[in-house]
Amino acid sequence: MKQFFLFLLLTVSVSQFLVARGGSQSTPSQPQAQTNTPPANTYTVLINGQQYGPLPVTELQLMAQAGTFTRETPVMRTGTSAWIQAGEVPELAAFVGRTSPSPQPAPAVSPPPAAPPLPSASRYTVAINGQQQGPYDMTQLQQLVQGGTLTRETLVWTEGMAQWAEAGTLQELMGLFTSVPPPLPPGR
């Protein structure tokens, strides 16, 4: 009857484990048999302020599966006097995890989306002396401006235009004329 009341005092998770194990001899209510040689790989554990053990590693594995033994649980290996967290003991860390978070692989980073294709450079056909000439790219048009052949009033056409237009009226060609002065007013 005394053992029953001790089980009620334990937390639900610990008592569930001990009851499931059939009241293991390692409960605090039963004295431990003293031997000259401690069993190999046994540990005393501290759960909710109560010491249990010595327990073999197989028993600790079952407790870990039941959720009553975690990487933070203090343990003391039989034959030692130092308490450490279970996750710091290599043979226990294998089934409870390590106390320090294991390095996580860097998240997969997708390569940046491919740059959209460069817009095909517009090529313009130019009306020079009543003749269609070209098509010319922007570098060639700049040379025509510098040579005085292409002016703001020169008619030009490019793919997508419904009709010919003066070069100075097209937004994409206005930059060609920034360094060229406008024509002189008539009569000056």
N, C-alpha and C. Protein backbone atom coordinates (compact mmCIF):
# COMPACT_ATOMS: atom_id res chain seq x y z
N MET A 1 0.82 -1.18 0.00
CA MET A 1 0.00 0.00 0.00
C MET A 1 0.87 1.25 0.00
N LYS A 2 1.96 1.21 0.75
CA LYS A 2 2.88 2.34 0.83
C LYS A 2 3.45 2.66 -0.56
N GLN A 3 3.80 1.63 -1.30
CA GLN A 3 4.34 1.82 -2.65
C GLN A 3 3.31 2.49 -3.55
N PHE A 4 2.04 2.16 -3.39
CA PHE A 4 0.98 2.74 -4.20
C PHE A 4 0.92 4.25 -3.99
N PHE A 5 1.00 4.70 -2.74
CA PHE A 5 0.94 6.14 -2.46
C PHE A 5 2.16 6.87 -2.99
N LEU A 6 3.30 6.23 -2.98
CA LEU A 6 4.49 6.88 -3.55
C LEU A 6 4.32 7.08 -5.05
N PHE A 7 3.69 6.12 -5.69
CA PHE A 7 3.44 6.29 -7.12
C PHE A 7 2.53 7.47 -7.38
N LEU A 8 1.55 7.71 -6.54
CA LEU A 8 0.65 8.84 -6.73
C LEU A 8 1.37 10.17 -6.58
N LEU A 9 2.41 10.21 -5.77
CA LEU A 9 3.15 11.45 -5.57
C LEU A 9 4.02 11.81 -6.77
N LEU A 10 4.38 10.84 -7.54
CA LEU A 10 5.22 11.11 -8.71
C LEU A 10 4.40 11.81 -9.79
N THR A 11 5.07 12.47 -10.67
CA THR A 11 4.35 13.13 -11.76
C THR A 11 3.69 12.08 -12.63
N VAL A 12 2.73 12.52 -13.38
CA VAL A 12 1.96 11.60 -14.21
C VAL A 12 2.87 10.86 -15.17
N SER A 13 3.78 11.57 -15.82
CA SER A 13 4.61 10.90 -16.82
C SER A 13 5.54 9.86 -16.20
N VAL A 14 6.14 10.17 -15.05
CA VAL A 14 7.04 9.22 -14.42
C VAL A 14 6.25 8.04 -13.90
N SER A 15 5.10 8.30 -13.27
CA SER A 15 4.33 7.20 -12.72
C SER A 15 3.81 6.31 -13.83
N GLN A 16 3.41 6.90 -14.94
CA GLN A 16 2.94 6.08 -16.05
C GLN A 16 4.05 5.17 -16.52
N PHE A 17 5.25 5.70 -16.57
CA PHE A 17 6.37 4.86 -17.01
C PHE A 17 6.62 3.73 -16.02
N LEU A 18 6.66 4.06 -14.74
CA LEU A 18 6.95 3.04 -13.74
C LEU A 18 5.86 2.00 -13.67
N VAL A 19 4.60 2.41 -13.76
CA VAL A 19 3.50 1.45 -13.75
C VAL A 19 3.59 0.56 -14.98
N ALA A 20 3.88 1.17 -16.13
CA ALA A 20 3.99 0.39 -17.37
C ALA A 20 5.11 -0.62 -17.26
N ARG A 21 6.17 -0.29 -16.50
CA ARG A 21 7.29 -1.20 -16.35
C ARG A 21 7.03 -2.21 -15.23
N GLY A 22 5.86 -2.15 -14.60
CA GLY A 22 5.51 -3.11 -13.55
C GLY A 22 6.16 -2.80 -12.23
N GLY A 23 6.38 -1.52 -11.94
CA GLY A 23 6.97 -1.16 -10.64
C GLY A 23 8.41 -1.60 -10.56
N SER A 24 9.25 -1.08 -11.43
CA SER A 24 10.67 -1.46 -11.50
C SER A 24 11.33 -1.36 -10.14
N GLN A 25 12.34 -2.21 -9.89
CA GLN A 25 13.04 -2.20 -8.61
C GLN A 25 13.81 -0.91 -8.40
N SER A 26 13.88 -0.05 -9.41
CA SER A 26 14.69 1.16 -9.26
C SER A 26 13.88 2.33 -8.73
N THR A 27 12.64 2.09 -8.29
CA THR A 27 11.84 3.17 -7.73
C THR A 27 12.41 3.55 -6.37
N PRO A 28 12.19 4.81 -5.94
CA PRO A 28 12.77 5.24 -4.68
C PRO A 28 12.21 4.50 -3.47
N SER A 29 11.05 3.84 -3.59
CA SER A 29 10.45 3.18 -2.45
C SER A 29 11.13 1.87 -2.12
N GLN A 30 11.95 1.37 -3.03
CA GLN A 30 12.60 0.09 -2.77
C GLN A 30 14.09 0.30 -2.65
N PRO A 31 14.72 -0.24 -1.64
CA PRO A 31 16.17 -0.06 -1.49
C PRO A 31 16.91 -0.80 -2.59
N GLN A 32 18.04 -0.25 -2.96
CA GLN A 32 18.87 -0.87 -3.99
C GLN A 32 19.81 -1.88 -3.36
N ALA A 33 19.98 -2.97 -4.07
CA ALA A 33 20.92 -3.98 -3.59
C ALA A 33 22.33 -3.44 -3.75
N GLN A 34 23.15 -3.55 -2.71
CA GLN A 34 24.52 -3.07 -2.78
C GLN A 34 25.43 -4.21 -3.23
N THR A 35 26.23 -3.92 -4.24
CA THR A 35 27.20 -4.91 -4.71
C THR A 35 28.56 -4.25 -4.74
N ASN A 36 29.59 -5.05 -4.76
CA ASN A 36 30.95 -4.52 -4.81
C ASN A 36 31.26 -3.91 -6.17
N THR A 37 30.73 -4.47 -7.22
CA THR A 37 30.97 -3.94 -8.57
C THR A 37 29.67 -3.43 -9.16
N PRO A 38 29.62 -2.12 -9.49
CA PRO A 38 28.40 -1.60 -10.09
C PRO A 38 28.23 -2.15 -11.51
N PRO A 39 27.00 -2.36 -11.92
CA PRO A 39 26.77 -2.84 -13.28
C PRO A 39 27.34 -1.84 -14.28
N ALA A 40 27.81 -2.35 -15.38
CA ALA A 40 28.40 -1.49 -16.42
C ALA A 40 27.30 -0.63 -17.05
N ASN A 41 27.67 0.60 -17.39
CA ASN A 41 26.79 1.53 -18.09
C ASN A 41 25.43 1.71 -17.41
N THR A 42 25.45 2.02 -16.16
CA THR A 42 24.22 2.34 -15.46
C THR A 42 24.29 3.78 -14.98
N TYR A 43 23.12 4.39 -14.86
CA TYR A 43 23.03 5.79 -14.50
C TYR A 43 21.94 6.00 -13.47
N THR A 44 22.17 6.98 -12.61
CA THR A 44 21.12 7.47 -11.73
C THR A 44 20.59 8.72 -12.41
N VAL A 45 19.27 8.87 -12.44
CA VAL A 45 18.66 10.02 -13.10
C VAL A 45 17.88 10.82 -12.09
N LEU A 46 17.72 12.10 -12.35
CA LEU A 46 16.98 13.00 -11.49
C LEU A 46 15.78 13.50 -12.27
N ILE A 47 14.59 13.04 -11.87
CA ILE A 47 13.35 13.44 -12.55
C ILE A 47 12.41 14.02 -11.52
N ASN A 48 12.01 15.26 -11.74
CA ASN A 48 11.10 15.97 -10.83
C ASN A 48 11.59 15.92 -9.38
N GLY A 49 12.89 16.10 -9.20
CA GLY A 49 13.46 16.15 -7.86
C GLY A 49 13.70 14.78 -7.23
N GLN A 50 13.37 13.71 -7.90
CA GLN A 50 13.55 12.36 -7.37
C GLN A 50 14.67 11.65 -8.10
N GLN A 51 15.50 10.95 -7.38
CA GLN A 51 16.58 10.16 -7.98
C GLN A 51 16.08 8.75 -8.24
N TYR A 52 16.39 8.23 -9.42
CA TYR A 52 16.05 6.87 -9.79
C TYR A 52 17.31 6.20 -10.30
N GLY A 53 17.50 4.96 -9.89
CA GLY A 53 18.62 4.24 -10.44
C GLY A 53 19.38 3.49 -9.37
N PRO A 54 20.44 2.87 -9.78
CA PRO A 54 21.02 2.94 -11.13
C PRO A 54 20.16 2.20 -12.15
N LEU A 55 20.06 2.81 -13.34
CA LEU A 55 19.27 2.25 -14.44
C LEU A 55 20.18 1.92 -15.61
N PRO A 56 19.96 0.78 -16.25
CA PRO A 56 20.75 0.46 -17.44
C PRO A 56 20.30 1.34 -18.61
N VAL A 57 21.14 1.44 -19.60
CA VAL A 57 20.87 2.28 -20.77
C VAL A 57 19.57 1.84 -21.44
N THR A 58 19.31 0.54 -21.48
CA THR A 58 18.07 0.06 -22.13
C THR A 58 16.84 0.61 -21.42
N GLU A 59 16.90 0.73 -20.10
CA GLU A 59 15.78 1.28 -19.34
C GLU A 59 15.63 2.77 -19.66
N LEU A 60 16.74 3.48 -19.80
CA LEU A 60 16.69 4.90 -20.13
C LEU A 60 16.12 5.12 -21.53
N GLN A 61 16.42 4.20 -22.43
CA GLN A 61 15.84 4.30 -23.78
C GLN A 61 14.32 4.19 -23.72
N LEU A 62 13.82 3.27 -22.92
CA LEU A 62 12.37 3.12 -22.78
C LEU A 62 11.76 4.38 -22.16
N MET A 63 12.46 4.96 -21.18
CA MET A 63 11.96 6.19 -20.56
C MET A 63 11.96 7.34 -21.57
N ALA A 64 12.96 7.37 -22.44
CA ALA A 64 13.02 8.41 -23.48
C ALA A 64 11.85 8.24 -24.44
N GLN A 65 11.54 7.02 -24.79
CA GLN A 65 10.41 6.76 -25.69
C GLN A 65 9.10 7.19 -25.03
N ALA A 66 9.00 7.01 -23.71
CA ALA A 66 7.80 7.41 -22.99
C ALA A 66 7.74 8.91 -22.75
N GLY A 67 8.84 9.62 -23.02
CA GLY A 67 8.88 11.07 -22.86
C GLY A 67 9.28 11.53 -21.47
N THR A 68 9.68 10.61 -20.58
CA THR A 68 10.06 11.01 -19.22
C THR A 68 11.55 11.25 -19.08
N PHE A 69 12.31 10.93 -20.09
CA PHE A 69 13.77 11.09 -20.06
C PHE A 69 14.16 11.86 -21.31
N THR A 70 14.72 13.07 -21.11
CA THR A 70 15.07 13.93 -22.24
C THR A 70 16.55 14.29 -22.19
N ARG A 71 16.97 15.04 -23.18
CA ARG A 71 18.38 15.44 -23.23
C ARG A 71 18.77 16.35 -22.09
N GLU A 72 17.79 17.02 -21.47
CA GLU A 72 18.08 17.91 -20.34
C GLU A 72 18.05 17.20 -19.00
N THR A 73 17.62 15.95 -18.96
CA THR A 73 17.52 15.23 -17.69
C THR A 73 18.91 15.06 -17.07
N PRO A 74 19.09 15.45 -15.79
CA PRO A 74 20.38 15.25 -15.12
C PRO A 74 20.63 13.75 -14.90
N VAL A 75 21.85 13.33 -15.21
CA VAL A 75 22.24 11.93 -15.01
C VAL A 75 23.60 11.89 -14.32
N MET A 76 23.84 10.78 -13.61
CA MET A 76 25.14 10.57 -12.98
C MET A 76 25.50 9.10 -13.24
N ARG A 77 26.61 8.90 -13.92
CA ARG A 77 27.04 7.54 -14.22
C ARG A 77 27.48 6.86 -12.92
N THR A 78 27.13 5.60 -12.79
CA THR A 78 27.52 4.84 -11.61
C THR A 78 29.04 4.84 -11.50
N GLY A 79 29.52 5.15 -10.31
CA GLY A 79 30.97 5.22 -10.09
C GLY A 79 31.51 6.62 -10.18
N THR A 80 30.67 7.59 -10.56
CA THR A 80 31.10 8.99 -10.61
C THR A 80 30.25 9.79 -9.64
N SER A 81 30.59 11.06 -9.45
CA SER A 81 29.81 11.89 -8.53
C SER A 81 29.31 13.16 -9.20
N ALA A 82 29.48 13.29 -10.50
CA ALA A 82 29.09 14.51 -11.20
C ALA A 82 27.79 14.31 -11.97
N TRP A 83 26.88 15.27 -11.79
CA TRP A 83 25.63 15.27 -12.55
C TRP A 83 25.87 16.04 -13.85
N ILE A 84 25.42 15.49 -14.95
CA ILE A 84 25.48 16.18 -16.25
C ILE A 84 24.17 15.92 -16.98
N GLN A 85 23.91 16.69 -17.99
CA GLN A 85 22.69 16.48 -18.77
C GLN A 85 22.87 15.27 -19.68
N ALA A 86 21.80 14.52 -19.85
CA ALA A 86 21.84 13.28 -20.63
C ALA A 86 22.35 13.52 -22.05
N GLY A 87 22.02 14.66 -22.63
CA GLY A 87 22.46 14.94 -24.00
C GLY A 87 23.95 15.12 -24.14
N GLU A 88 24.67 15.29 -23.02
CA GLU A 88 26.12 15.45 -23.06
C GLU A 88 26.85 14.12 -22.95
N VAL A 89 26.12 13.03 -22.73
CA VAL A 89 26.71 11.70 -22.61
C VAL A 89 26.56 11.01 -23.96
N PRO A 90 27.68 10.70 -24.63
CA PRO A 90 27.57 10.16 -25.99
C PRO A 90 26.64 8.96 -26.14
N GLU A 91 26.69 8.01 -25.21
CA GLU A 91 25.84 6.83 -25.39
C GLU A 91 24.36 7.13 -25.14
N LEU A 92 24.07 8.22 -24.43
CA LEU A 92 22.67 8.60 -24.21
C LEU A 92 22.20 9.60 -25.27
N ALA A 93 23.12 10.42 -25.73
CA ALA A 93 22.78 11.44 -26.74
C ALA A 93 22.25 10.80 -28.01
N ALA A 94 22.64 9.56 -28.27
CA ALA A 94 22.20 8.89 -29.49
C ALA A 94 20.68 8.76 -29.54
N PHE A 95 20.02 8.67 -28.39
CA PHE A 95 18.56 8.53 -28.42
C PHE A 95 17.80 9.68 -27.76
N VAL A 96 18.50 10.64 -27.15
CA VAL A 96 17.82 11.80 -26.59
C VAL A 96 18.22 13.09 -27.30
N GLY A 97 19.21 13.05 -28.16
CA GLY A 97 19.68 14.25 -28.83
C GLY A 97 20.73 14.94 -27.99
N ARG A 98 21.38 15.91 -28.56
CA ARG A 98 22.44 16.65 -27.86
C ARG A 98 21.86 17.92 -27.26
N THR A 99 22.50 18.41 -26.19
CA THR A 99 22.00 19.63 -25.55
C THR A 99 22.24 20.84 -26.42
N SER A 100 23.37 20.89 -27.06
CA SER A 100 23.57 22.02 -27.95
C SER A 100 22.96 21.63 -29.28
N PRO A 101 22.22 22.54 -29.88
CA PRO A 101 21.55 22.17 -31.12
C PRO A 101 22.57 21.76 -32.16
N SER A 102 22.27 20.66 -32.80
CA SER A 102 23.18 20.20 -33.84
C SER A 102 23.09 21.16 -35.00
N PRO A 103 24.20 21.33 -35.70
CA PRO A 103 24.17 22.28 -36.81
C PRO A 103 23.15 21.83 -37.84
N GLN A 104 22.32 22.75 -38.20
CA GLN A 104 21.31 22.46 -39.20
C GLN A 104 21.88 22.78 -40.58
N PRO A 105 21.57 21.96 -41.55
CA PRO A 105 22.06 22.29 -42.88
C PRO A 105 21.45 23.61 -43.32
N ALA A 106 22.23 24.34 -44.03
CA ALA A 106 21.74 25.62 -44.53
C ALA A 106 20.54 25.37 -45.43
N PRO A 107 19.53 26.22 -45.31
CA PRO A 107 18.37 26.02 -46.17
C PRO A 107 18.78 26.12 -47.63
N ALA A 108 18.16 25.29 -48.41
CA ALA A 108 18.46 25.30 -49.83
C ALA A 108 18.07 26.65 -50.40
N VAL A 109 19.01 27.27 -51.03
CA VAL A 109 18.75 28.57 -51.62
C VAL A 109 18.62 28.38 -53.12
N SER A 110 17.50 28.80 -53.60
CA SER A 110 17.29 28.69 -55.04
C SER A 110 18.16 29.73 -55.72
N PRO A 111 18.70 29.36 -56.85
CA PRO A 111 19.46 30.39 -57.57
C PRO A 111 18.50 31.49 -57.99
N PRO A 112 19.01 32.70 -58.10
CA PRO A 112 18.12 33.79 -58.51
C PRO A 112 17.53 33.47 -59.88
N PRO A 113 16.34 33.95 -60.11
CA PRO A 113 15.75 33.65 -61.42
C PRO A 113 16.64 34.22 -62.52
N ALA A 114 16.62 33.52 -63.60
CA ALA A 114 17.43 33.96 -64.74
C ALA A 114 16.97 35.35 -65.16
N ALA A 115 17.93 36.15 -65.51
CA ALA A 115 17.59 37.50 -65.96
C ALA A 115 16.77 37.39 -67.24
N PRO A 116 15.81 38.27 -67.38
CA PRO A 116 15.03 38.22 -68.61
C PRO A 116 15.95 38.54 -69.79
N PRO A 117 15.60 38.04 -70.92
CA PRO A 117 16.46 38.32 -72.07
C PRO A 117 16.53 39.83 -72.31
N LEU A 118 17.69 40.25 -72.69
CA LEU A 118 17.85 41.67 -72.99
C LEU A 118 16.95 42.03 -74.16
N PRO A 119 16.31 43.17 -74.03
CA PRO A 119 15.47 43.54 -75.16
C PRO A 119 16.36 43.73 -76.38
N SER A 120 15.86 43.24 -77.47
CA SER A 120 16.67 43.40 -78.67
C SER A 120 16.79 44.89 -78.93
N ALA A 121 18.00 45.30 -79.17
CA ALA A 121 18.25 46.71 -79.41
C ALA A 121 17.47 47.14 -80.64
N SER A 122 16.74 48.22 -80.42
CA SER A 122 15.95 48.72 -81.56
C SER A 122 16.89 49.18 -82.66
N ARG A 123 16.48 48.88 -83.82
CA ARG A 123 17.21 49.32 -85.01
C ARG A 123 16.25 50.18 -85.82
N TYR A 124 16.75 51.35 -86.22
CA TYR A 124 15.91 52.33 -86.89
C TYR A 124 16.33 52.49 -88.35
N THR A 125 15.30 52.61 -89.16
CA THR A 125 15.52 52.99 -90.57
C THR A 125 15.36 54.51 -90.62
N VAL A 126 16.25 55.17 -91.35
CA VAL A 126 16.30 56.63 -91.36
C VAL A 126 16.07 57.12 -92.79
N ALA A 127 15.30 58.19 -92.94
CA ALA A 127 15.07 58.81 -94.25
C ALA A 127 16.13 59.89 -94.44
N ILE A 128 17.09 59.62 -95.34
CA ILE A 128 18.17 60.58 -95.60
C ILE A 128 18.13 60.92 -97.08
N ASN A 129 17.93 62.22 -97.36
CA ASN A 129 17.86 62.71 -98.74
C ASN A 129 16.80 61.96 -99.54
N GLY A 130 15.66 61.70 -98.88
CA GLY A 130 14.55 61.05 -99.57
C GLY A 130 14.74 59.55 -99.76
N GLN A 131 15.77 58.97 -99.17
CA GLN A 131 16.06 57.54 -99.32
C GLN A 131 16.00 56.85 -97.94
N GLN A 132 15.48 55.61 -97.92
CA GLN A 132 15.51 54.82 -96.69
C GLN A 132 16.92 54.26 -96.53
N GLN A 133 17.50 54.47 -95.37
CA GLN A 133 18.82 53.92 -95.10
C GLN A 133 18.80 53.23 -93.72
N GLY A 134 19.58 52.19 -93.61
CA GLY A 134 19.63 51.44 -92.37
C GLY A 134 19.07 50.05 -92.56
N PRO A 135 18.72 49.41 -91.51
CA PRO A 135 18.52 49.91 -90.16
C PRO A 135 19.83 50.13 -89.41
N TYR A 136 19.78 51.09 -88.47
CA TYR A 136 20.93 51.46 -87.66
C TYR A 136 20.64 51.18 -86.18
N ASP A 137 21.70 50.73 -85.45
CA ASP A 137 21.55 50.58 -84.00
C ASP A 137 21.85 51.92 -83.35
N MET A 138 21.75 52.00 -82.02
CA MET A 138 21.90 53.28 -81.31
C MET A 138 23.29 53.87 -81.48
N THR A 139 24.32 53.03 -81.50
CA THR A 139 25.68 53.54 -81.69
C THR A 139 25.81 54.19 -83.06
N GLN A 140 25.27 53.56 -84.06
CA GLN A 140 25.35 54.11 -85.41
C GLN A 140 24.52 55.40 -85.52
N LEU A 141 23.35 55.42 -84.87
CA LEU A 141 22.53 56.63 -84.89
C LEU A 141 23.27 57.80 -84.22
N GLN A 142 23.99 57.52 -83.13
CA GLN A 142 24.75 58.57 -82.45
C GLN A 142 25.81 59.14 -83.39
N GLN A 143 26.44 58.27 -84.17
CA GLN A 143 27.44 58.74 -85.14
C GLN A 143 26.79 59.62 -86.20
N LEU A 144 25.57 59.25 -86.63
CA LEU A 144 24.86 60.07 -87.62
C LEU A 144 24.50 61.44 -87.05
N VAL A 145 24.14 61.47 -85.74
CA VAL A 145 23.83 62.74 -85.09
C VAL A 145 25.08 63.60 -85.03
N GLN A 146 26.21 63.00 -84.62
CA GLN A 146 27.45 63.76 -84.50
C GLN A 146 27.92 64.28 -85.85
N GLY A 147 27.62 63.54 -86.91
CA GLY A 147 28.00 63.99 -88.27
C GLY A 147 27.00 64.96 -88.87
N GLY A 148 25.89 65.21 -88.17
CA GLY A 148 24.90 66.16 -88.67
C GLY A 148 23.92 65.54 -89.65
N THR A 149 24.00 64.26 -89.92
CA THR A 149 23.11 63.61 -90.88
C THR A 149 21.74 63.35 -90.25
N LEU A 150 21.72 62.99 -88.98
CA LEU A 150 20.47 62.71 -88.27
C LEU A 150 20.20 63.88 -87.35
N THR A 151 19.03 64.54 -87.55
CA THR A 151 18.62 65.65 -86.70
C THR A 151 17.30 65.30 -86.03
N ARG A 152 16.84 66.21 -85.18
CA ARG A 152 15.56 65.99 -84.51
C ARG A 152 14.41 65.90 -85.52
N GLU A 153 14.55 66.55 -86.64
CA GLU A 153 13.49 66.58 -87.64
C GLU A 153 13.57 65.44 -88.64
N THR A 154 14.65 64.65 -88.62
CA THR A 154 14.81 63.54 -89.56
C THR A 154 13.76 62.48 -89.28
N LEU A 155 13.11 61.98 -90.33
CA LEU A 155 12.11 60.93 -90.17
C LEU A 155 12.80 59.59 -89.93
N VAL A 156 12.25 58.84 -88.94
CA VAL A 156 12.78 57.51 -88.62
C VAL A 156 11.61 56.55 -88.46
N TRP A 157 11.93 55.28 -88.57
CA TRP A 157 10.92 54.23 -88.38
C TRP A 157 11.62 53.01 -87.78
N THR A 158 10.90 52.29 -86.86
CA THR A 158 11.38 51.03 -86.31
C THR A 158 10.21 50.07 -86.21
N GLU A 159 10.51 48.83 -86.07
CA GLU A 159 9.47 47.81 -85.97
C GLU A 159 8.51 48.15 -84.85
N GLY A 160 7.23 48.01 -85.10
CA GLY A 160 6.20 48.32 -84.11
C GLY A 160 5.58 49.69 -84.32
N MET A 161 6.19 50.55 -85.15
CA MET A 161 5.63 51.88 -85.40
C MET A 161 4.67 51.79 -86.58
N ALA A 162 3.54 52.50 -86.47
CA ALA A 162 2.55 52.49 -87.55
C ALA A 162 3.00 53.37 -88.71
N GLN A 163 3.76 54.42 -88.40
CA GLN A 163 4.20 55.34 -89.46
C GLN A 163 5.53 55.99 -89.08
N TRP A 164 6.11 56.69 -89.99
CA TRP A 164 7.36 57.39 -89.77
C TRP A 164 7.11 58.55 -88.81
N ALA A 165 8.17 58.90 -88.01
CA ALA A 165 8.06 60.02 -87.07
C ALA A 165 9.39 60.74 -87.03
N GLU A 166 9.34 62.01 -86.61
CA GLU A 166 10.57 62.77 -86.45
C GLU A 166 11.35 62.19 -85.27
N ALA A 167 12.66 62.06 -85.43
CA ALA A 167 13.52 61.44 -84.41
C ALA A 167 13.41 62.15 -83.08
N GLY A 168 13.29 63.46 -83.04
CA GLY A 168 13.23 64.23 -81.81
C GLY A 168 11.95 64.02 -81.03
N THR A 169 10.94 63.39 -81.63
CA THR A 169 9.67 63.18 -80.93
C THR A 169 9.61 61.80 -80.25
N LEU A 170 10.58 60.96 -80.50
CA LEU A 170 10.59 59.61 -79.92
C LEU A 170 11.40 59.60 -78.62
N GLN A 171 10.76 59.15 -77.56
CA GLN A 171 11.38 59.12 -76.23
C GLN A 171 12.72 58.39 -76.26
N GLU A 172 12.78 57.23 -76.90
CA GLU A 172 14.00 56.43 -76.89
C GLU A 172 15.15 57.06 -77.67
N LEU A 173 14.87 58.05 -78.51
CA LEU A 173 15.94 58.70 -79.28
C LEU A 173 16.31 60.08 -78.75
N MET A 174 15.55 60.62 -77.81
CA MET A 174 15.81 61.98 -77.31
C MET A 174 17.19 62.12 -76.72
N GLY A 175 17.71 61.05 -76.09
CA GLY A 175 19.04 61.11 -75.50
C GLY A 175 20.14 61.34 -76.53
N LEU A 176 19.89 61.00 -77.76
CA LEU A 176 20.90 61.23 -78.81
C LEU A 176 21.13 62.71 -79.06
N PHE A 177 20.14 63.54 -78.74
CA PHE A 177 20.21 64.95 -79.09
C PHE A 177 20.52 65.85 -77.91
N THR A 178 20.86 65.29 -76.76
CA THR A 178 21.11 66.14 -75.59
C THR A 178 22.35 66.98 -75.73
N SER A 179 23.36 66.49 -76.44
CA SER A 179 24.58 67.28 -76.59
C SER A 179 24.61 68.09 -77.88
N VAL A 180 23.53 68.00 -78.65
CA VAL A 180 23.45 68.75 -79.91
C VAL A 180 22.51 69.93 -79.70
N PRO A 181 22.94 71.14 -80.02
CA PRO A 181 22.04 72.27 -79.84
C PRO A 181 20.87 72.18 -80.82
N PRO A 182 19.74 72.74 -80.41
CA PRO A 182 18.59 72.74 -81.32
C PRO A 182 18.90 73.60 -82.55
N PRO A 183 18.13 73.41 -83.61
CA PRO A 183 18.41 74.24 -84.82
C PRO A 183 18.15 75.72 -84.53
N LEU A 184 18.84 76.55 -85.26
CA LEU A 184 18.63 77.98 -85.12
C LEU A 184 17.22 78.35 -85.58
N PRO A 185 16.64 79.33 -84.91
CA PRO A 185 15.32 79.76 -85.39
C PRO A 185 15.44 80.36 -86.79
N PRO A 186 14.37 80.28 -87.62
CA PRO A 186 14.45 80.80 -88.98
C PRO A 186 14.74 82.32 -88.98
N GLY A 187 15.54 82.71 -89.92
CA GLY A 187 15.88 84.11 -90.09
C GLY A 187 16.97 84.62 -89.18
N ARG A 188 17.67 83.84 -88.48
CA ARG A 188 18.72 84.32 -87.59
C ARG A 188 20.07 83.91 -88.07
